[in-house]
Amino acid sequence: MNIAAQHRDEEGRHLVLSTAKRRYRLNICGETTETEPLAYVLPGDAFWETRQAAVCDFHDHCRLGHVNKLPFCLAPGPSEHWRLVQWLRLLDALSGGATTRELAIELIARDAGRYSAAEWDTSSERKRIARWQRQALAMRDGGYLALLSGH
């Protein structure tokens, strides 16, 4: 594992460990030594099962030296994966200044570029890209927590 990022503050050390297939985010509280065994502390909140699966994966990686198959609760299905990738592409294009119509042409239907203004105003592509935009922005601004919890 490589340390992709780290930060130290009054609460302890914060690490992002990177492997070929995973990133693990750790908060190490207080001072530790190499002889101390790892202790995992998980809040008993709505994300308990997701956090537990992530900790088990990390622990197995440390103990056994290999990465297990991603726990089901952490892996989106094929159509969900496609949709999330589309949303990331949409957010990237928005930050680059793309218009709604340009987004629709790139992500939904190339034919939307040939629509008249009236056709575009009533098109399902315009409505869908607007919906995707609302959902992608909501996901970016905190909705990803629901995704991580398996909802």
N, C-alpha and C. Protein backbone atom coordinates (compact mmCIF):
# COMPACT_ATOMS: atom_id res chain seq x y z
N MET A 1 0.84 -1.18 0.00
CA MET A 1 0.00 0.00 0.00
C MET A 1 0.88 1.23 0.00
N ASN A 2 0.42 2.24 -0.71
CA ASN A 2 1.10 3.52 -0.75
C ASN A 2 0.26 4.56 -0.03
N ILE A 3 0.93 5.54 0.56
CA ILE A 3 0.21 6.66 1.18
C ILE A 3 -0.07 7.68 0.08
N ALA A 4 -1.34 7.81 -0.28
CA ALA A 4 -1.74 8.76 -1.33
C ALA A 4 -1.86 10.17 -0.79
N ALA A 5 -2.24 10.30 0.48
CA ALA A 5 -2.36 11.61 1.12
C ALA A 5 -2.30 11.41 2.62
N GLN A 6 -1.82 12.44 3.32
CA GLN A 6 -1.81 12.37 4.78
C GLN A 6 -1.88 13.76 5.37
N HIS A 7 -2.41 13.82 6.57
CA HIS A 7 -2.58 15.09 7.27
C HIS A 7 -2.52 14.78 8.76
N ARG A 8 -1.87 15.64 9.52
CA ARG A 8 -1.82 15.48 10.97
C ARG A 8 -2.41 16.74 11.60
N ASP A 9 -3.27 16.54 12.61
CA ASP A 9 -3.82 17.66 13.36
C ASP A 9 -3.95 17.25 14.81
N GLU A 10 -4.65 18.05 15.62
CA GLU A 10 -4.75 17.76 17.05
C GLU A 10 -5.52 16.47 17.35
N GLU A 11 -6.33 16.00 16.42
CA GLU A 11 -7.09 14.77 16.63
C GLU A 11 -6.31 13.51 16.28
N GLY A 12 -5.22 13.67 15.53
CA GLY A 12 -4.42 12.51 15.16
C GLY A 12 -3.94 12.61 13.73
N ARG A 13 -3.75 11.47 13.12
CA ARG A 13 -3.22 11.40 11.75
C ARG A 13 -4.31 10.89 10.83
N HIS A 14 -4.44 11.51 9.68
CA HIS A 14 -5.43 11.13 8.68
C HIS A 14 -4.69 10.66 7.44
N LEU A 15 -4.98 9.45 7.00
CA LEU A 15 -4.27 8.86 5.86
C LEU A 15 -5.24 8.41 4.78
N VAL A 16 -4.80 8.49 3.55
CA VAL A 16 -5.46 7.83 2.44
C VAL A 16 -4.44 6.84 1.89
N LEU A 17 -4.73 5.55 2.06
CA LEU A 17 -3.85 4.50 1.57
C LEU A 17 -4.39 4.01 0.24
N SER A 18 -3.49 3.79 -0.70
CA SER A 18 -3.91 3.42 -2.05
C SER A 18 -3.27 2.09 -2.45
N THR A 19 -4.10 1.24 -3.04
CA THR A 19 -3.62 0.00 -3.65
C THR A 19 -4.02 0.06 -5.12
N ALA A 20 -3.74 -0.99 -5.85
CA ALA A 20 -4.11 -1.01 -7.27
C ALA A 20 -5.63 -0.94 -7.45
N LYS A 21 -6.39 -1.47 -6.49
CA LYS A 21 -7.84 -1.55 -6.66
C LYS A 21 -8.65 -0.76 -5.65
N ARG A 22 -8.04 -0.27 -4.57
CA ARG A 22 -8.81 0.35 -3.50
C ARG A 22 -8.12 1.59 -2.95
N ARG A 23 -8.93 2.41 -2.26
CA ARG A 23 -8.42 3.50 -1.44
C ARG A 23 -9.04 3.34 -0.07
N TYR A 24 -8.22 3.39 0.95
CA TYR A 24 -8.69 3.30 2.32
C TYR A 24 -8.42 4.63 3.01
N ARG A 25 -9.44 5.16 3.68
CA ARG A 25 -9.29 6.40 4.42
C ARG A 25 -9.31 6.07 5.91
N LEU A 26 -8.22 6.45 6.60
CA LEU A 26 -8.07 6.10 8.01
C LEU A 26 -7.87 7.35 8.85
N ASN A 27 -8.44 7.35 10.02
CA ASN A 27 -8.15 8.35 11.04
C ASN A 27 -7.50 7.60 12.18
N ILE A 28 -6.25 7.93 12.49
CA ILE A 28 -5.52 7.27 13.57
C ILE A 28 -5.48 8.26 14.72
N CYS A 29 -6.15 7.90 15.79
CA CYS A 29 -6.28 8.80 16.93
C CYS A 29 -5.12 8.62 17.90
N GLY A 30 -4.61 9.72 18.39
CA GLY A 30 -3.54 9.67 19.38
C GLY A 30 -2.24 9.14 18.81
N GLU A 31 -1.35 8.77 19.72
CA GLU A 31 -0.04 8.22 19.32
C GLU A 31 -0.12 6.71 19.31
N THR A 32 0.47 6.09 18.31
CA THR A 32 0.49 4.63 18.21
C THR A 32 1.91 4.15 18.03
N THR A 33 2.12 2.89 18.34
CA THR A 33 3.42 2.26 18.10
C THR A 33 3.20 1.05 17.21
N GLU A 34 4.29 0.56 16.63
CA GLU A 34 4.17 -0.59 15.72
C GLU A 34 3.79 -1.87 16.45
N THR A 35 3.99 -1.93 17.77
CA THR A 35 3.68 -3.15 18.51
C THR A 35 2.22 -3.21 18.95
N GLU A 36 1.52 -2.09 18.87
CA GLU A 36 0.11 -2.09 19.25
C GLU A 36 -0.74 -2.71 18.15
N PRO A 37 -1.68 -3.57 18.52
CA PRO A 37 -2.59 -4.09 17.48
C PRO A 37 -3.56 -3.00 17.04
N LEU A 38 -4.02 -3.12 15.80
CA LEU A 38 -5.01 -2.16 15.31
C LEU A 38 -6.32 -2.32 16.07
N ALA A 39 -6.96 -1.21 16.36
CA ALA A 39 -8.29 -1.23 16.95
C ALA A 39 -9.18 -0.38 16.05
N TYR A 40 -10.31 -0.92 15.68
CA TYR A 40 -11.22 -0.22 14.80
C TYR A 40 -12.40 0.29 15.61
N VAL A 41 -12.73 1.54 15.43
CA VAL A 41 -13.86 2.15 16.11
C VAL A 41 -14.83 2.62 15.03
N LEU A 42 -16.05 2.11 15.12
CA LEU A 42 -17.08 2.47 14.14
C LEU A 42 -18.29 3.05 14.85
N PRO A 43 -18.78 4.18 14.36
CA PRO A 43 -20.00 4.71 14.97
C PRO A 43 -21.20 3.82 14.64
N GLY A 44 -22.09 3.68 15.57
CA GLY A 44 -23.29 2.86 15.38
C GLY A 44 -24.40 3.67 14.73
N ASP A 45 -24.13 4.16 13.52
CA ASP A 45 -25.11 5.01 12.84
C ASP A 45 -25.75 4.26 11.68
N ALA A 46 -26.43 4.98 10.82
CA ALA A 46 -27.13 4.37 9.68
C ALA A 46 -26.16 3.75 8.68
N PHE A 47 -24.88 4.10 8.75
CA PHE A 47 -23.89 3.58 7.81
C PHE A 47 -23.08 2.41 8.40
N TRP A 48 -23.54 1.85 9.50
CA TRP A 48 -22.83 0.81 10.22
C TRP A 48 -22.40 -0.35 9.31
N GLU A 49 -23.33 -0.92 8.57
CA GLU A 49 -23.01 -2.09 7.75
C GLU A 49 -21.98 -1.77 6.67
N THR A 50 -22.09 -0.60 6.07
CA THR A 50 -21.13 -0.20 5.04
C THR A 50 -19.76 0.01 5.64
N ARG A 51 -19.70 0.69 6.77
CA ARG A 51 -18.42 0.91 7.45
C ARG A 51 -17.79 -0.42 7.88
N GLN A 52 -18.61 -1.33 8.38
CA GLN A 52 -18.12 -2.63 8.82
C GLN A 52 -17.54 -3.42 7.65
N ALA A 53 -18.21 -3.39 6.50
CA ALA A 53 -17.69 -4.08 5.31
C ALA A 53 -16.37 -3.49 4.86
N ALA A 54 -16.25 -2.16 4.91
CA ALA A 54 -15.01 -1.50 4.51
C ALA A 54 -13.87 -1.85 5.46
N VAL A 55 -14.15 -1.88 6.76
CA VAL A 55 -13.12 -2.22 7.75
C VAL A 55 -12.69 -3.67 7.59
N CYS A 56 -13.64 -4.58 7.36
CA CYS A 56 -13.29 -5.99 7.14
C CYS A 56 -12.40 -6.14 5.92
N ASP A 57 -12.71 -5.41 4.86
CA ASP A 57 -11.89 -5.46 3.65
C ASP A 57 -10.48 -4.96 3.94
N PHE A 58 -10.36 -3.84 4.65
CA PHE A 58 -9.06 -3.29 4.99
C PHE A 58 -8.28 -4.25 5.87
N HIS A 59 -8.93 -4.79 6.88
CA HIS A 59 -8.27 -5.72 7.81
C HIS A 59 -7.75 -6.96 7.07
N ASP A 60 -8.57 -7.52 6.20
CA ASP A 60 -8.14 -8.68 5.42
C ASP A 60 -6.96 -8.33 4.52
N HIS A 61 -6.99 -7.13 3.96
CA HIS A 61 -5.88 -6.70 3.12
C HIS A 61 -4.58 -6.63 3.94
N CYS A 62 -4.66 -6.04 5.13
CA CYS A 62 -3.48 -5.93 6.00
C CYS A 62 -3.01 -7.29 6.47
N ARG A 63 -3.95 -8.15 6.87
CA ARG A 63 -3.60 -9.44 7.46
C ARG A 63 -3.19 -10.46 6.41
N LEU A 64 -3.91 -10.52 5.31
CA LEU A 64 -3.68 -11.56 4.31
C LEU A 64 -2.90 -11.06 3.10
N GLY A 65 -2.82 -9.75 2.94
CA GLY A 65 -2.05 -9.20 1.84
C GLY A 65 -2.73 -9.22 0.49
N HIS A 66 -4.03 -9.44 0.46
CA HIS A 66 -4.73 -9.41 -0.83
C HIS A 66 -6.05 -8.67 -0.69
N VAL A 67 -6.57 -8.26 -1.82
CA VAL A 67 -7.83 -7.52 -1.84
C VAL A 67 -8.95 -8.49 -2.18
N ASN A 68 -9.95 -8.52 -1.33
CA ASN A 68 -11.12 -9.37 -1.59
C ASN A 68 -12.03 -8.71 -2.62
N LYS A 69 -12.99 -9.49 -3.07
CA LYS A 69 -14.02 -8.92 -3.94
C LYS A 69 -14.73 -7.82 -3.15
N LEU A 70 -15.06 -6.74 -3.84
CA LEU A 70 -15.72 -5.62 -3.20
C LEU A 70 -17.03 -6.08 -2.57
N PRO A 71 -17.26 -5.76 -1.28
CA PRO A 71 -18.52 -6.15 -0.65
C PRO A 71 -19.72 -5.61 -1.43
N PHE A 72 -20.77 -6.39 -1.49
CA PHE A 72 -21.96 -6.04 -2.28
C PHE A 72 -22.48 -4.66 -1.95
N CYS A 73 -22.50 -4.33 -0.66
CA CYS A 73 -23.07 -3.03 -0.27
C CYS A 73 -22.21 -1.86 -0.74
N LEU A 74 -20.97 -2.12 -1.17
CA LEU A 74 -20.10 -1.05 -1.64
C LEU A 74 -20.01 -0.98 -3.15
N ALA A 75 -20.61 -1.93 -3.85
CA ALA A 75 -20.46 -2.00 -5.31
C ALA A 75 -21.78 -1.72 -6.02
N PRO A 76 -21.82 -0.66 -6.84
CA PRO A 76 -23.04 -0.43 -7.62
C PRO A 76 -23.16 -1.46 -8.74
N GLY A 77 -24.39 -1.77 -9.14
CA GLY A 77 -24.61 -2.68 -10.25
C GLY A 77 -24.24 -2.03 -11.57
N PRO A 78 -24.29 -2.79 -12.68
CA PRO A 78 -23.86 -2.25 -13.98
C PRO A 78 -24.62 -1.00 -14.42
N SER A 79 -25.93 -0.99 -14.29
CA SER A 79 -26.68 0.18 -14.74
C SER A 79 -26.46 1.37 -13.80
N GLU A 80 -26.34 1.10 -12.50
CA GLU A 80 -26.03 2.17 -11.54
C GLU A 80 -24.64 2.73 -11.82
N HIS A 81 -23.69 1.86 -12.11
CA HIS A 81 -22.33 2.29 -12.43
C HIS A 81 -22.34 3.20 -13.66
N TRP A 82 -23.07 2.79 -14.70
CA TRP A 82 -23.16 3.59 -15.92
C TRP A 82 -23.74 4.97 -15.62
N ARG A 83 -24.82 4.99 -14.85
CA ARG A 83 -25.48 6.25 -14.50
C ARG A 83 -24.54 7.16 -13.71
N LEU A 84 -23.81 6.62 -12.76
CA LEU A 84 -22.90 7.42 -11.96
C LEU A 84 -21.75 7.97 -12.82
N VAL A 85 -21.27 7.17 -13.76
CA VAL A 85 -20.23 7.64 -14.68
C VAL A 85 -20.78 8.79 -15.53
N GLN A 86 -22.02 8.65 -16.02
CA GLN A 86 -22.63 9.72 -16.80
C GLN A 86 -22.73 11.00 -15.97
N TRP A 87 -23.10 10.86 -14.71
CA TRP A 87 -23.21 12.03 -13.85
C TRP A 87 -21.85 12.69 -13.64
N LEU A 88 -20.80 11.90 -13.49
CA LEU A 88 -19.45 12.46 -13.35
C LEU A 88 -19.05 13.21 -14.62
N ARG A 89 -19.37 12.62 -15.78
CA ARG A 89 -19.09 13.29 -17.04
C ARG A 89 -19.86 14.61 -17.13
N LEU A 90 -21.11 14.58 -16.68
CA LEU A 90 -21.94 15.79 -16.68
C LEU A 90 -21.33 16.87 -15.77
N LEU A 91 -20.92 16.49 -14.57
CA LEU A 91 -20.33 17.47 -13.65
C LEU A 91 -19.03 18.04 -14.21
N ASP A 92 -18.21 17.19 -14.85
CA ASP A 92 -16.98 17.67 -15.47
C ASP A 92 -17.29 18.67 -16.58
N ALA A 93 -18.28 18.34 -17.41
CA ALA A 93 -18.65 19.23 -18.52
C ALA A 93 -19.23 20.54 -18.00
N LEU A 94 -20.03 20.48 -16.94
CA LEU A 94 -20.58 21.71 -16.35
C LEU A 94 -19.46 22.62 -15.85
N SER A 95 -18.48 22.03 -15.19
CA SER A 95 -17.38 22.86 -14.69
C SER A 95 -16.56 23.44 -15.84
N GLY A 96 -16.64 22.81 -17.01
CA GLY A 96 -15.97 23.33 -18.19
C GLY A 96 -16.81 24.34 -18.96
N GLY A 97 -18.02 24.62 -18.48
CA GLY A 97 -18.86 25.64 -19.10
C GLY A 97 -19.82 25.13 -20.16
N ALA A 98 -20.06 23.83 -20.23
CA ALA A 98 -20.97 23.28 -21.23
C ALA A 98 -22.41 23.74 -20.98
N THR A 99 -23.15 23.91 -22.07
CA THR A 99 -24.56 24.27 -21.97
C THR A 99 -25.38 23.00 -21.78
N THR A 100 -26.63 23.17 -21.39
CA THR A 100 -27.53 22.04 -21.22
C THR A 100 -27.68 21.25 -22.52
N ARG A 101 -27.79 21.96 -23.62
CA ARG A 101 -27.94 21.30 -24.92
C ARG A 101 -26.68 20.53 -25.28
N GLU A 102 -25.51 21.10 -25.03
CA GLU A 102 -24.25 20.39 -25.29
C GLU A 102 -24.15 19.13 -24.45
N LEU A 103 -24.61 19.21 -23.21
CA LEU A 103 -24.62 18.02 -22.35
C LEU A 103 -25.50 16.93 -22.93
N ALA A 104 -26.69 17.32 -23.37
CA ALA A 104 -27.62 16.35 -23.94
C ALA A 104 -27.04 15.70 -25.20
N ILE A 105 -26.40 16.50 -26.04
CA ILE A 105 -25.80 15.98 -27.27
C ILE A 105 -24.71 14.97 -26.94
N GLU A 106 -23.89 15.30 -25.97
CA GLU A 106 -22.76 14.43 -25.61
C GLU A 106 -23.19 13.19 -24.83
N LEU A 107 -24.13 13.33 -23.92
CA LEU A 107 -24.45 12.24 -23.00
C LEU A 107 -25.70 11.44 -23.35
N ILE A 108 -26.63 12.02 -24.10
CA ILE A 108 -27.91 11.34 -24.31
C ILE A 108 -28.17 11.04 -25.79
N ALA A 109 -28.23 12.07 -26.62
CA ALA A 109 -28.61 11.86 -28.02
C ALA A 109 -27.90 12.86 -28.92
N ARG A 110 -27.07 12.36 -29.80
CA ARG A 110 -26.35 13.23 -30.74
C ARG A 110 -27.33 14.02 -31.61
N ASP A 111 -28.51 13.45 -31.87
CA ASP A 111 -29.51 14.11 -32.72
C ASP A 111 -30.02 15.42 -32.12
N ALA A 112 -29.86 15.61 -30.82
CA ALA A 112 -30.38 16.82 -30.18
C ALA A 112 -29.74 18.08 -30.76
N GLY A 113 -28.60 17.94 -31.39
CA GLY A 113 -27.95 19.09 -32.02
C GLY A 113 -28.71 19.61 -33.22
N ARG A 114 -29.57 18.78 -33.80
CA ARG A 114 -30.34 19.18 -34.99
C ARG A 114 -31.74 19.69 -34.66
N TYR A 115 -32.11 19.67 -33.38
CA TYR A 115 -33.44 20.12 -33.00
C TYR A 115 -33.57 21.62 -33.17
N SER A 116 -34.75 22.04 -33.61
CA SER A 116 -35.04 23.48 -33.61
C SER A 116 -35.22 23.91 -32.16
N ALA A 117 -35.29 25.22 -31.94
CA ALA A 117 -35.47 25.72 -30.57
C ALA A 117 -36.77 25.20 -29.97
N ALA A 118 -37.84 25.15 -30.78
CA ALA A 118 -39.13 24.65 -30.28
C ALA A 118 -39.06 23.16 -29.97
N GLU A 119 -38.40 22.40 -30.84
CA GLU A 119 -38.26 20.95 -30.60
C GLU A 119 -37.43 20.70 -29.34
N TRP A 120 -36.37 21.48 -29.17
CA TRP A 120 -35.52 21.33 -27.99
C TRP A 120 -36.30 21.64 -26.72
N ASP A 121 -37.11 22.70 -26.73
CA ASP A 121 -37.89 23.08 -25.54
C ASP A 121 -38.84 21.98 -25.08
N THR A 122 -39.37 21.21 -26.00
CA THR A 122 -40.34 20.16 -25.63
C THR A 122 -39.73 18.76 -25.63
N SER A 123 -38.43 18.65 -25.85
CA SER A 123 -37.81 17.32 -26.01
C SER A 123 -37.64 16.58 -24.68
N SER A 124 -37.70 15.28 -24.77
CA SER A 124 -37.45 14.44 -23.59
C SER A 124 -35.97 14.51 -23.20
N GLU A 125 -35.08 14.77 -24.17
CA GLU A 125 -33.65 14.88 -23.88
C GLU A 125 -33.37 16.09 -22.97
N ARG A 126 -34.06 17.20 -23.22
CA ARG A 126 -33.87 18.39 -22.38
C ARG A 126 -34.36 18.11 -20.97
N LYS A 127 -35.49 17.43 -20.86
CA LYS A 127 -36.02 17.10 -19.53
C LYS A 127 -35.11 16.12 -18.80
N ARG A 128 -34.60 15.12 -19.53
CA ARG A 128 -33.74 14.13 -18.89
C ARG A 128 -32.42 14.75 -18.43
N ILE A 129 -31.80 15.58 -19.26
CA ILE A 129 -30.53 16.18 -18.87
C ILE A 129 -30.71 17.12 -17.69
N ALA A 130 -31.86 17.81 -17.63
CA ALA A 130 -32.15 18.66 -16.47
C ALA A 130 -32.29 17.81 -15.21
N ARG A 131 -32.97 16.68 -15.33
CA ARG A 131 -33.13 15.77 -14.18
C ARG A 131 -31.77 15.23 -13.75
N TRP A 132 -30.95 14.78 -14.72
CA TRP A 132 -29.61 14.28 -14.41
C TRP A 132 -28.78 15.35 -13.72
N GLN A 133 -28.91 16.58 -14.20
CA GLN A 133 -28.13 17.66 -13.62
C GLN A 133 -28.53 17.88 -12.16
N ARG A 134 -29.82 17.92 -11.89
CA ARG A 134 -30.28 18.07 -10.49
C ARG A 134 -29.77 16.93 -9.63
N GLN A 135 -29.89 15.69 -10.14
CA GLN A 135 -29.48 14.53 -9.36
C GLN A 135 -27.97 14.49 -9.15
N ALA A 136 -27.19 14.81 -10.19
CA ALA A 136 -25.73 14.80 -10.08
C ALA A 136 -25.25 15.85 -9.08
N LEU A 137 -25.84 17.04 -9.14
CA LEU A 137 -25.46 18.09 -8.19
C LEU A 137 -25.85 17.70 -6.76
N ALA A 138 -27.00 17.08 -6.59
CA ALA A 138 -27.42 16.63 -5.26
C ALA A 138 -26.48 15.54 -4.74
N MET A 139 -26.07 14.63 -5.62
CA MET A 139 -25.13 13.57 -5.23
C MET A 139 -23.79 14.18 -4.83
N ARG A 140 -23.32 15.12 -5.64
CA ARG A 140 -22.05 15.78 -5.35
C ARG A 140 -22.10 16.52 -4.02
N ASP A 141 -23.24 17.13 -3.73
CA ASP A 141 -23.37 17.98 -2.55
C ASP A 141 -23.80 17.23 -1.30
N GLY A 142 -23.68 15.93 -1.28
CA GLY A 142 -23.96 15.17 -0.06
C GLY A 142 -24.75 13.91 -0.25
N GLY A 143 -25.40 13.74 -1.38
CA GLY A 143 -26.20 12.54 -1.60
C GLY A 143 -25.37 11.27 -1.73
N TYR A 144 -24.06 11.43 -1.96
CA TYR A 144 -23.20 10.26 -2.05
C TYR A 144 -23.21 9.45 -0.75
N LEU A 145 -23.55 10.08 0.36
CA LEU A 145 -23.62 9.35 1.63
C LEU A 145 -24.70 8.27 1.59
N ALA A 146 -25.82 8.56 0.92
CA ALA A 146 -26.86 7.54 0.76
C ALA A 146 -26.35 6.40 -0.10
N LEU A 147 -25.58 6.71 -1.13
CA LEU A 147 -24.99 5.67 -1.99
C LEU A 147 -24.07 4.78 -1.16
N LEU A 148 -23.25 5.37 -0.33
CA LEU A 148 -22.31 4.60 0.49
C LEU A 148 -23.03 3.71 1.51
N SER A 149 -24.22 4.14 1.92
CA SER A 149 -24.95 3.34 2.89
C SER A 149 -25.78 2.24 2.25
N GLY A 150 -25.72 2.15 0.91
CA GLY A 150 -26.44 1.08 0.22
C GLY A 150 -27.87 1.43 -0.12
N HIS A 151 -28.26 2.70 -0.02
CA HIS A 151 -29.64 3.12 -0.34
C HIS A 151 -29.70 3.70 -1.73
